[in-house]
Amino acid sequence: MAVDPLTDDWSPEQTAAMQRLRDWAVSFVELNQHLATWMGLPTSDANALGHIVWAAEDGHPLSPADLSRQIGMTSGATTVLLNRLETAGHIRRTRDHADRRRVSLHPEPAAREQARQFIAAAGAEIAEVMHTSSAEELRHVIAFVSRLTAASTAANKRLQHGAPAGSGRSRRAVGTARDQR
């Protein structure tokens, strides 16, 4: 049975957890705004560059489509943004896959270094929390946030197809059923 977040009672702990996650998201956006200032970029460009740097650091470079989805921009707007970042020398696009049609986004070394310097200057407090948290605490956080991410990813996929929660039907399926009448 699905929980209705508008009508079901939430425990104080559940409400507090959602508020703290919201607070973190707001704080993270503010840090991105400071990164933009640090690098002399528009906020949207710094946000995109941050996604590109973190994905490359994780060993999973983004495609333009991945980036577009993550930053909530159309593919056309993302292309314009990527052109600006590439022209400014912050990123490069490569076709280093077996499928030569797939483009990967990589930060240029100087942009990566600028981002690293920003994180070193701005992330001291965050690093302190990470370094003073026990492995057990971090495992719990990882598990909890992973479950939340999986849930929000599932909701996003469902919403991409226009289906309300619990309907089990996508907008395409609804349209197809309507067309068959």
N, C-alpha and C. Protein backbone atom coordinates (compact mmCIF):
# COMPACT_ATOMS: atom_id res chain seq x y z
N MET A 1 0.85 -1.17 0.00
CA MET A 1 0.00 0.00 0.00
C MET A 1 0.90 1.24 0.00
N ALA A 2 0.67 2.13 -0.90
CA ALA A 2 1.49 3.33 -1.04
C ALA A 2 1.10 4.36 0.02
N VAL A 3 2.09 5.08 0.48
CA VAL A 3 1.87 6.16 1.45
C VAL A 3 1.47 7.42 0.70
N ASP A 4 0.44 8.09 1.17
CA ASP A 4 0.03 9.36 0.60
C ASP A 4 0.67 10.47 1.43
N PRO A 5 1.69 11.13 0.88
CA PRO A 5 2.42 12.12 1.69
C PRO A 5 1.60 13.34 2.06
N LEU A 6 0.44 13.52 1.45
CA LEU A 6 -0.41 14.66 1.80
C LEU A 6 -1.42 14.33 2.89
N THR A 7 -1.70 13.05 3.10
CA THR A 7 -2.74 12.70 4.06
C THR A 7 -2.26 11.80 5.19
N ASP A 8 -1.24 11.00 4.98
CA ASP A 8 -0.75 10.11 6.02
C ASP A 8 0.08 10.90 7.02
N ASP A 9 -0.04 10.53 8.26
CA ASP A 9 0.76 11.19 9.30
C ASP A 9 2.20 10.70 9.21
N TRP A 10 3.10 11.65 9.33
CA TRP A 10 4.52 11.32 9.35
C TRP A 10 5.01 11.44 10.78
N SER A 11 5.92 10.60 11.16
CA SER A 11 6.50 10.70 12.50
C SER A 11 7.39 11.93 12.55
N PRO A 12 7.65 12.44 13.75
CA PRO A 12 8.57 13.58 13.86
C PRO A 12 9.94 13.28 13.25
N GLU A 13 10.38 12.04 13.37
CA GLU A 13 11.69 11.66 12.82
C GLU A 13 11.67 11.69 11.29
N GLN A 14 10.57 11.23 10.70
CA GLN A 14 10.46 11.25 9.25
C GLN A 14 10.42 12.69 8.74
N THR A 15 9.64 13.52 9.40
CA THR A 15 9.56 14.93 9.01
C THR A 15 10.92 15.60 9.17
N ALA A 16 11.59 15.36 10.28
CA ALA A 16 12.91 15.96 10.51
C ALA A 16 13.91 15.49 9.47
N ALA A 17 13.87 14.21 9.12
CA ALA A 17 14.80 13.69 8.11
C ALA A 17 14.57 14.38 6.77
N MET A 18 13.31 14.53 6.37
CA MET A 18 13.02 15.21 5.10
C MET A 18 13.45 16.67 5.15
N GLN A 19 13.25 17.33 6.28
CA GLN A 19 13.68 18.73 6.41
C GLN A 19 15.20 18.84 6.34
N ARG A 20 15.92 17.94 6.98
CA ARG A 20 17.39 18.00 6.94
C ARG A 20 17.91 17.72 5.53
N LEU A 21 17.26 16.81 4.82
CA LEU A 21 17.65 16.56 3.42
C LEU A 21 17.40 17.80 2.57
N ARG A 22 16.27 18.47 2.80
CA ARG A 22 15.97 19.71 2.09
C ARG A 22 17.01 20.77 2.42
N ASP A 23 17.36 20.89 3.71
CA ASP A 23 18.38 21.86 4.13
C ASP A 23 19.71 21.60 3.42
N TRP A 24 20.08 20.32 3.32
CA TRP A 24 21.33 19.97 2.63
C TRP A 24 21.25 20.37 1.16
N ALA A 25 20.12 20.09 0.52
CA ALA A 25 19.96 20.44 -0.89
C ALA A 25 20.08 21.95 -1.09
N VAL A 26 19.46 22.73 -0.23
CA VAL A 26 19.54 24.19 -0.33
C VAL A 26 20.97 24.66 -0.12
N SER A 27 21.64 24.10 0.88
CA SER A 27 23.02 24.47 1.16
C SER A 27 23.94 24.10 0.00
N PHE A 28 23.69 22.96 -0.62
CA PHE A 28 24.50 22.53 -1.75
C PHE A 28 24.35 23.48 -2.93
N VAL A 29 23.11 23.95 -3.16
CA VAL A 29 22.87 24.92 -4.23
C VAL A 29 23.64 26.21 -3.95
N GLU A 30 23.65 26.63 -2.69
CA GLU A 30 24.42 27.83 -2.32
C GLU A 30 25.91 27.64 -2.59
N LEU A 31 26.42 26.46 -2.25
CA LEU A 31 27.83 26.19 -2.53
C LEU A 31 28.10 26.26 -4.03
N ASN A 32 27.17 25.77 -4.84
CA ASN A 32 27.33 25.84 -6.29
C ASN A 32 27.37 27.29 -6.76
N GLN A 33 26.57 28.15 -6.13
CA GLN A 33 26.59 29.57 -6.48
C GLN A 33 27.96 30.18 -6.15
N HIS A 34 28.55 29.75 -5.05
CA HIS A 34 29.89 30.23 -4.70
C HIS A 34 30.94 29.70 -5.70
N LEU A 35 30.77 28.44 -6.14
CA LEU A 35 31.67 27.90 -7.16
C LEU A 35 31.58 28.72 -8.43
N ALA A 36 30.37 29.11 -8.81
CA ALA A 36 30.19 29.93 -10.02
C ALA A 36 30.97 31.23 -9.89
N THR A 37 30.86 31.89 -8.75
CA THR A 37 31.59 33.13 -8.52
C THR A 37 33.10 32.87 -8.55
N TRP A 38 33.54 31.82 -7.89
CA TRP A 38 34.95 31.43 -7.82
C TRP A 38 35.55 31.26 -9.22
N MET A 39 34.76 30.65 -10.11
CA MET A 39 35.26 30.33 -11.45
C MET A 39 34.87 31.38 -12.48
N GLY A 40 34.10 32.38 -12.07
CA GLY A 40 33.68 33.42 -13.01
C GLY A 40 32.73 32.89 -14.06
N LEU A 41 31.83 32.01 -13.66
CA LEU A 41 30.88 31.38 -14.59
C LEU A 41 29.45 31.71 -14.18
N PRO A 42 28.53 31.66 -15.13
CA PRO A 42 27.12 31.71 -14.75
C PRO A 42 26.81 30.48 -13.88
N THR A 43 25.84 30.62 -12.99
CA THR A 43 25.51 29.52 -12.07
C THR A 43 25.17 28.24 -12.82
N SER A 44 24.43 28.34 -13.92
CA SER A 44 24.06 27.14 -14.67
C SER A 44 25.30 26.44 -15.24
N ASP A 45 26.28 27.21 -15.69
CA ASP A 45 27.51 26.63 -16.23
C ASP A 45 28.32 25.95 -15.12
N ALA A 46 28.40 26.62 -13.96
CA ALA A 46 29.14 26.02 -12.84
C ALA A 46 28.46 24.75 -12.36
N ASN A 47 27.13 24.75 -12.33
CA ASN A 47 26.38 23.57 -11.95
C ASN A 47 26.70 22.42 -12.90
N ALA A 48 26.64 22.70 -14.19
CA ALA A 48 26.95 21.66 -15.18
C ALA A 48 28.39 21.18 -15.04
N LEU A 49 29.31 22.11 -14.89
CA LEU A 49 30.72 21.74 -14.74
C LEU A 49 30.91 20.87 -13.51
N GLY A 50 30.23 21.21 -12.42
CA GLY A 50 30.31 20.38 -11.21
C GLY A 50 29.86 18.96 -11.47
N HIS A 51 28.75 18.80 -12.19
CA HIS A 51 28.26 17.45 -12.53
C HIS A 51 29.30 16.71 -13.38
N ILE A 52 29.89 17.42 -14.33
CA ILE A 52 30.87 16.80 -15.23
C ILE A 52 32.11 16.37 -14.44
N VAL A 53 32.59 17.24 -13.55
CA VAL A 53 33.79 16.92 -12.75
C VAL A 53 33.52 15.73 -11.85
N TRP A 54 32.41 15.76 -11.10
CA TRP A 54 32.13 14.65 -10.17
C TRP A 54 31.95 13.34 -10.90
N ALA A 55 31.26 13.35 -12.03
CA ALA A 55 31.06 12.11 -12.79
C ALA A 55 32.39 11.56 -13.29
N ALA A 56 33.25 12.46 -13.79
CA ALA A 56 34.58 12.02 -14.27
C ALA A 56 35.41 11.48 -13.11
N GLU A 57 35.34 12.13 -11.96
CA GLU A 57 36.08 11.66 -10.78
C GLU A 57 35.60 10.28 -10.35
N ASP A 58 34.30 10.03 -10.55
CA ASP A 58 33.71 8.74 -10.20
C ASP A 58 34.02 7.67 -11.25
N GLY A 59 34.64 8.09 -12.36
CA GLY A 59 34.98 7.13 -13.41
C GLY A 59 33.83 6.82 -14.35
N HIS A 60 32.78 7.63 -14.31
CA HIS A 60 31.61 7.43 -15.18
C HIS A 60 31.25 8.75 -15.86
N PRO A 61 32.03 9.16 -16.85
CA PRO A 61 31.75 10.44 -17.52
C PRO A 61 30.33 10.50 -18.05
N LEU A 62 29.76 11.69 -17.98
CA LEU A 62 28.40 11.91 -18.45
C LEU A 62 28.36 12.08 -19.96
N SER A 63 27.22 11.73 -20.53
CA SER A 63 26.92 12.09 -21.91
C SER A 63 26.17 13.42 -21.85
N PRO A 64 26.07 14.14 -22.95
CA PRO A 64 25.24 15.35 -22.94
C PRO A 64 23.80 15.08 -22.50
N ALA A 65 23.23 13.94 -22.90
CA ALA A 65 21.86 13.61 -22.50
C ALA A 65 21.77 13.39 -20.99
N ASP A 66 22.77 12.70 -20.42
CA ASP A 66 22.80 12.50 -18.96
C ASP A 66 22.84 13.85 -18.25
N LEU A 67 23.72 14.73 -18.73
CA LEU A 67 23.86 16.04 -18.12
C LEU A 67 22.55 16.83 -18.24
N SER A 68 21.94 16.80 -19.40
CA SER A 68 20.69 17.50 -19.63
C SER A 68 19.63 17.07 -18.62
N ARG A 69 19.53 15.78 -18.40
CA ARG A 69 18.56 15.25 -17.43
C ARG A 69 18.91 15.72 -16.02
N GLN A 70 20.18 15.67 -15.66
CA GLN A 70 20.58 16.02 -14.30
C GLN A 70 20.41 17.50 -13.98
N ILE A 71 20.59 18.35 -14.95
CA ILE A 71 20.49 19.79 -14.69
C ILE A 71 19.14 20.37 -15.09
N GLY A 72 18.27 19.53 -15.65
CA GLY A 72 16.91 19.96 -15.97
C GLY A 72 16.82 20.94 -17.12
N MET A 73 17.67 20.77 -18.11
CA MET A 73 17.63 21.65 -19.28
C MET A 73 17.29 20.81 -20.51
N THR A 74 16.75 21.47 -21.52
CA THR A 74 16.49 20.78 -22.78
C THR A 74 17.83 20.42 -23.43
N SER A 75 17.79 19.52 -24.38
CA SER A 75 19.03 19.14 -25.05
C SER A 75 19.62 20.33 -25.80
N GLY A 76 18.78 21.17 -26.39
CA GLY A 76 19.27 22.35 -27.11
C GLY A 76 19.97 23.33 -26.17
N ALA A 77 19.34 23.60 -25.02
CA ALA A 77 19.95 24.52 -24.04
C ALA A 77 21.24 23.93 -23.49
N THR A 78 21.25 22.62 -23.28
CA THR A 78 22.47 21.97 -22.79
C THR A 78 23.58 22.07 -23.82
N THR A 79 23.26 21.92 -25.08
CA THR A 79 24.26 22.05 -26.14
C THR A 79 24.88 23.45 -26.13
N VAL A 80 24.06 24.47 -26.00
CA VAL A 80 24.56 25.86 -25.94
C VAL A 80 25.48 26.01 -24.73
N LEU A 81 25.06 25.50 -23.57
CA LEU A 81 25.87 25.56 -22.36
C LEU A 81 27.20 24.84 -22.56
N LEU A 82 27.16 23.64 -23.12
CA LEU A 82 28.40 22.87 -23.36
C LEU A 82 29.32 23.59 -24.34
N ASN A 83 28.74 24.23 -25.35
CA ASN A 83 29.56 25.01 -26.29
C ASN A 83 30.30 26.11 -25.54
N ARG A 84 29.61 26.80 -24.62
CA ARG A 84 30.25 27.86 -23.82
C ARG A 84 31.39 27.30 -22.99
N LEU A 85 31.13 26.17 -22.30
CA LEU A 85 32.16 25.56 -21.45
C LEU A 85 33.35 25.08 -22.27
N GLU A 86 33.07 24.52 -23.44
CA GLU A 86 34.15 24.03 -24.30
C GLU A 86 34.96 25.20 -24.86
N THR A 87 34.29 26.24 -25.32
CA THR A 87 34.97 27.43 -25.87
C THR A 87 35.85 28.09 -24.80
N ALA A 88 35.37 28.09 -23.55
CA ALA A 88 36.13 28.69 -22.45
C ALA A 88 37.26 27.79 -21.96
N GLY A 89 37.36 26.57 -22.51
CA GLY A 89 38.45 25.67 -22.14
C GLY A 89 38.21 24.89 -20.86
N HIS A 90 36.94 24.76 -20.43
CA HIS A 90 36.63 24.04 -19.19
C HIS A 90 36.35 22.55 -19.40
N ILE A 91 35.85 22.20 -20.59
CA ILE A 91 35.52 20.79 -20.85
C ILE A 91 35.95 20.40 -22.25
N ARG A 92 35.92 19.09 -22.48
CA ARG A 92 36.10 18.57 -23.84
C ARG A 92 35.10 17.42 -24.02
N ARG A 93 34.68 17.26 -25.25
CA ARG A 93 33.78 16.17 -25.61
C ARG A 93 34.62 15.13 -26.34
N THR A 94 34.45 13.88 -25.96
CA THR A 94 35.20 12.81 -26.62
C THR A 94 34.27 11.70 -27.07
N ARG A 95 34.76 10.96 -28.03
CA ARG A 95 34.04 9.78 -28.52
C ARG A 95 34.96 8.58 -28.30
N ASP A 96 35.10 8.23 -27.03
CA ASP A 96 36.06 7.19 -26.69
C ASP A 96 35.41 5.85 -26.38
N HIS A 97 34.26 5.60 -26.94
CA HIS A 97 33.55 4.36 -26.70
C HIS A 97 33.54 3.51 -27.97
N ALA A 98 33.19 2.25 -27.80
CA ALA A 98 33.05 1.37 -28.96
C ALA A 98 31.99 1.94 -29.91
N ASP A 99 30.93 2.50 -29.32
CA ASP A 99 29.89 3.16 -30.11
C ASP A 99 30.31 4.60 -30.32
N ARG A 100 30.84 4.91 -31.47
CA ARG A 100 31.42 6.23 -31.74
C ARG A 100 30.37 7.35 -31.74
N ARG A 101 29.09 6.97 -31.69
CA ARG A 101 28.05 8.00 -31.63
C ARG A 101 27.92 8.59 -30.23
N ARG A 102 28.36 7.85 -29.22
CA ARG A 102 28.23 8.29 -27.82
C ARG A 102 29.34 9.27 -27.48
N VAL A 103 28.93 10.44 -27.01
CA VAL A 103 29.86 11.50 -26.61
C VAL A 103 29.97 11.49 -25.10
N SER A 104 31.19 11.61 -24.59
CA SER A 104 31.44 11.73 -23.15
C SER A 104 31.99 13.11 -22.86
N LEU A 105 31.63 13.63 -21.70
CA LEU A 105 32.07 14.95 -21.27
C LEU A 105 33.16 14.80 -20.22
N HIS A 106 34.26 15.53 -20.42
CA HIS A 106 35.40 15.46 -19.50
C HIS A 106 35.84 16.87 -19.13
N PRO A 107 36.18 17.08 -17.85
CA PRO A 107 36.71 18.39 -17.48
C PRO A 107 38.15 18.52 -17.98
N GLU A 108 38.52 19.69 -18.40
CA GLU A 108 39.91 19.95 -18.74
C GLU A 108 40.70 20.02 -17.43
N PRO A 109 41.98 19.68 -17.44
CA PRO A 109 42.76 19.67 -16.21
C PRO A 109 42.72 21.00 -15.43
N ALA A 110 42.77 22.13 -16.12
CA ALA A 110 42.74 23.42 -15.42
C ALA A 110 41.41 23.63 -14.72
N ALA A 111 40.29 23.24 -15.34
CA ALA A 111 38.97 23.39 -14.71
C ALA A 111 38.85 22.45 -13.52
N ARG A 112 39.36 21.24 -13.67
CA ARG A 112 39.34 20.28 -12.57
C ARG A 112 40.15 20.83 -11.41
N GLU A 113 41.28 21.42 -11.70
CA GLU A 113 42.13 21.98 -10.64
C GLU A 113 41.45 23.16 -9.95
N GLN A 114 40.78 24.02 -10.72
CA GLN A 114 40.03 25.13 -10.11
C GLN A 114 38.93 24.60 -9.20
N ALA A 115 38.23 23.57 -9.64
CA ALA A 115 37.18 22.97 -8.82
C ALA A 115 37.78 22.35 -7.57
N ARG A 116 38.92 21.68 -7.72
CA ARG A 116 39.61 21.07 -6.57
C ARG A 116 40.01 22.14 -5.56
N GLN A 117 40.54 23.26 -6.04
CA GLN A 117 40.92 24.36 -5.15
C GLN A 117 39.70 24.93 -4.43
N PHE A 118 38.59 25.05 -5.14
CA PHE A 118 37.37 25.54 -4.50
C PHE A 118 36.93 24.59 -3.40
N ILE A 119 36.91 23.31 -3.70
CA ILE A 119 36.47 22.32 -2.71
C ILE A 119 37.40 22.33 -1.50
N ALA A 120 38.70 22.48 -1.75
CA ALA A 120 39.65 22.55 -0.63
C ALA A 120 39.37 23.78 0.24
N ALA A 121 39.02 24.90 -0.39
CA ALA A 121 38.75 26.13 0.35
C ALA A 121 37.36 26.13 0.98
N ALA A 122 36.38 25.64 0.26
CA ALA A 122 34.99 25.74 0.72
C ALA A 122 34.49 24.49 1.43
N GLY A 123 35.17 23.39 1.27
CA GLY A 123 34.67 22.13 1.79
C GLY A 123 35.28 21.67 3.09
N ALA A 124 36.01 22.53 3.78
CA ALA A 124 36.68 22.12 5.01
C ALA A 124 35.69 21.59 6.05
N GLU A 125 34.58 22.29 6.20
CA GLU A 125 33.59 21.88 7.19
C GLU A 125 32.94 20.55 6.81
N ILE A 126 32.67 20.38 5.53
CA ILE A 126 32.08 19.13 5.07
C ILE A 126 33.09 17.99 5.25
N ALA A 127 34.34 18.24 4.88
CA ALA A 127 35.37 17.21 5.05
C ALA A 127 35.52 16.82 6.51
N GLU A 128 35.43 17.80 7.40
CA GLU A 128 35.52 17.51 8.84
C GLU A 128 34.42 16.55 9.28
N VAL A 129 33.20 16.81 8.83
CA VAL A 129 32.08 15.92 9.19
C VAL A 129 32.33 14.52 8.61
N MET A 130 32.75 14.46 7.37
CA MET A 130 32.99 13.14 6.75
C MET A 130 34.10 12.37 7.47
N HIS A 131 35.17 13.08 7.82
CA HIS A 131 36.32 12.42 8.46
C HIS A 131 36.06 12.04 9.91
N THR A 132 35.11 12.70 10.56
CA THR A 132 34.82 12.39 11.96
C THR A 132 33.60 11.48 12.11
N SER A 133 33.00 11.07 11.01
CA SER A 133 31.88 10.13 11.05
C SER A 133 32.43 8.72 11.00
N SER A 134 31.82 7.86 11.79
CA SER A 134 32.27 6.46 11.81
C SER A 134 31.87 5.77 10.52
N ALA A 135 32.57 4.69 10.23
CA ALA A 135 32.23 3.89 9.04
C ALA A 135 30.80 3.39 9.15
N GLU A 136 30.36 3.04 10.35
CA GLU A 136 28.99 2.56 10.53
C GLU A 136 27.97 3.67 10.22
N GLU A 137 28.21 4.88 10.71
CA GLU A 137 27.32 6.01 10.40
C GLU A 137 27.24 6.22 8.89
N LEU A 138 28.39 6.22 8.25
CA LEU A 138 28.42 6.45 6.80
C LEU A 138 27.70 5.34 6.05
N ARG A 139 27.86 4.10 6.49
CA ARG A 139 27.14 2.99 5.84
C ARG A 139 25.62 3.18 5.96
N HIS A 140 25.15 3.63 7.13
CA HIS A 140 23.72 3.89 7.31
C HIS A 140 23.25 5.02 6.40
N VAL A 141 24.04 6.08 6.32
CA VAL A 141 23.68 7.20 5.45
C VAL A 141 23.65 6.75 4.00
N ILE A 142 24.66 6.00 3.59
CA ILE A 142 24.73 5.51 2.21
C ILE A 142 23.50 4.66 1.89
N ALA A 143 23.14 3.75 2.79
CA ALA A 143 21.99 2.88 2.56
C ALA A 143 20.70 3.70 2.49
N PHE A 144 20.52 4.64 3.42
CA PHE A 144 19.31 5.46 3.46
C PHE A 144 19.19 6.33 2.22
N VAL A 145 20.25 7.05 1.89
CA VAL A 145 20.21 7.95 0.73
C VAL A 145 20.09 7.14 -0.56
N SER A 146 20.68 5.97 -0.61
CA SER A 146 20.54 5.11 -1.80
C SER A 146 19.09 4.70 -2.00
N ARG A 147 18.39 4.34 -0.91
CA ARG A 147 16.98 3.98 -1.03
C ARG A 147 16.15 5.19 -1.46
N LEU A 148 16.43 6.36 -0.90
CA LEU A 148 15.71 7.57 -1.32
C LEU A 148 15.97 7.89 -2.79
N THR A 149 17.22 7.73 -3.21
CA THR A 149 17.57 8.01 -4.60
C THR A 149 16.86 7.03 -5.53
N ALA A 150 16.82 5.77 -5.16
CA ALA A 150 16.11 4.78 -5.97
C ALA A 150 14.62 5.13 -6.07
N ALA A 151 14.04 5.57 -4.95
CA ALA A 151 12.61 5.94 -4.96
C ALA A 151 12.38 7.18 -5.83
N SER A 152 13.23 8.19 -5.71
CA SER A 152 13.03 9.40 -6.52
C SER A 152 13.32 9.12 -7.98
N THR A 153 14.27 8.24 -8.27
CA THR A 153 14.54 7.85 -9.66
C THR A 153 13.33 7.15 -10.26
N ALA A 154 12.73 6.25 -9.49
CA ALA A 154 11.53 5.55 -9.97
C ALA A 154 10.39 6.55 -10.21
N ALA A 155 10.22 7.50 -9.29
CA ALA A 155 9.18 8.52 -9.46
C ALA A 155 9.45 9.37 -10.69
N ASN A 156 10.71 9.76 -10.89
CA ASN A 156 11.06 10.56 -12.07
C ASN A 156 10.78 9.80 -13.36
N LYS A 157 11.11 8.53 -13.41
CA LYS A 157 10.84 7.74 -14.61
C LYS A 157 9.34 7.65 -14.86
N ARG A 158 8.57 7.43 -13.80
CA ARG A 158 7.12 7.35 -13.94
C ARG A 158 6.57 8.69 -14.42
N LEU A 159 7.05 9.78 -13.84
CA LEU A 159 6.55 11.11 -14.21
C LEU A 159 6.96 11.51 -15.62
N GLN A 160 8.10 11.01 -16.10
CA GLN A 160 8.51 11.28 -17.48
C GLN A 160 7.46 10.79 -18.45
N HIS A 161 6.78 9.74 -18.05
CA HIS A 161 5.75 9.16 -18.92
C HIS A 161 4.37 9.68 -18.57
N GLY A 162 4.28 10.61 -17.63
CA GLY A 162 3.01 11.26 -17.31
C GLY A 162 2.06 10.45 -16.48
N ALA A 163 2.53 9.41 -15.82
CA ALA A 163 1.63 8.57 -15.04
C ALA A 163 1.57 9.05 -13.60
N PRO A 164 0.37 9.22 -13.04
CA PRO A 164 0.27 9.57 -11.62
C PRO A 164 0.65 8.37 -10.75
N ALA A 165 0.99 8.63 -9.51
CA ALA A 165 1.37 7.55 -8.60
C ALA A 165 0.25 6.53 -8.49
N GLY A 166 0.63 5.26 -8.51
CA GLY A 166 -0.33 4.19 -8.32
C GLY A 166 -1.16 3.84 -9.54
N SER A 167 -1.03 4.60 -10.63
CA SER A 167 -1.87 4.31 -11.79
C SER A 167 -1.35 3.13 -12.59
N GLY A 168 -0.03 2.94 -12.53
CA GLY A 168 0.56 1.85 -13.30
C GLY A 168 0.52 2.07 -14.79
N ARG A 169 0.07 3.25 -15.24
CA ARG A 169 -0.07 3.51 -16.67
C ARG A 169 0.69 4.76 -17.04
N SER A 170 1.36 4.69 -18.15
CA SER A 170 2.05 5.87 -18.66
C SER A 170 1.08 6.71 -19.49
N ARG A 171 1.48 7.94 -19.76
CA ARG A 171 0.67 8.81 -20.62
C ARG A 171 0.49 8.15 -21.98
N ARG A 172 1.55 7.50 -22.46
CA ARG A 172 1.44 6.82 -23.76
C ARG A 172 0.38 5.72 -23.71
N ALA A 173 0.39 4.94 -22.62
CA ALA A 173 -0.57 3.86 -22.48
C ALA A 173 -1.99 4.41 -22.38
N VAL A 174 -2.15 5.50 -21.63
CA VAL A 174 -3.47 6.11 -21.51
C VAL A 174 -3.92 6.60 -22.88
N GLY A 175 -3.05 7.27 -23.61
CA GLY A 175 -3.40 7.76 -24.95
C GLY A 175 -3.77 6.61 -25.88
N THR A 176 -3.03 5.52 -25.78
CA THR A 176 -3.29 4.38 -26.65
C THR A 176 -4.66 3.79 -26.32
N ALA A 177 -4.99 3.68 -25.02
CA ALA A 177 -6.28 3.12 -24.63
C ALA A 177 -7.41 4.04 -25.13
N ARG A 178 -7.21 5.36 -25.00
CA ARG A 178 -8.22 6.32 -25.45
C ARG A 178 -8.40 6.21 -26.96
N ASP A 179 -7.29 6.05 -27.69
CA ASP A 179 -7.36 5.98 -29.15
C ASP A 179 -8.10 4.73 -29.63
N GLN A 180 -8.09 3.67 -28.81
CA GLN A 180 -8.70 2.43 -29.21
C GLN A 180 -10.22 2.44 -29.01
N ARG A 181 -10.73 3.44 -28.27
CA ARG A 181 -12.18 3.51 -28.05
C ARG A 181 -12.90 3.94 -29.28
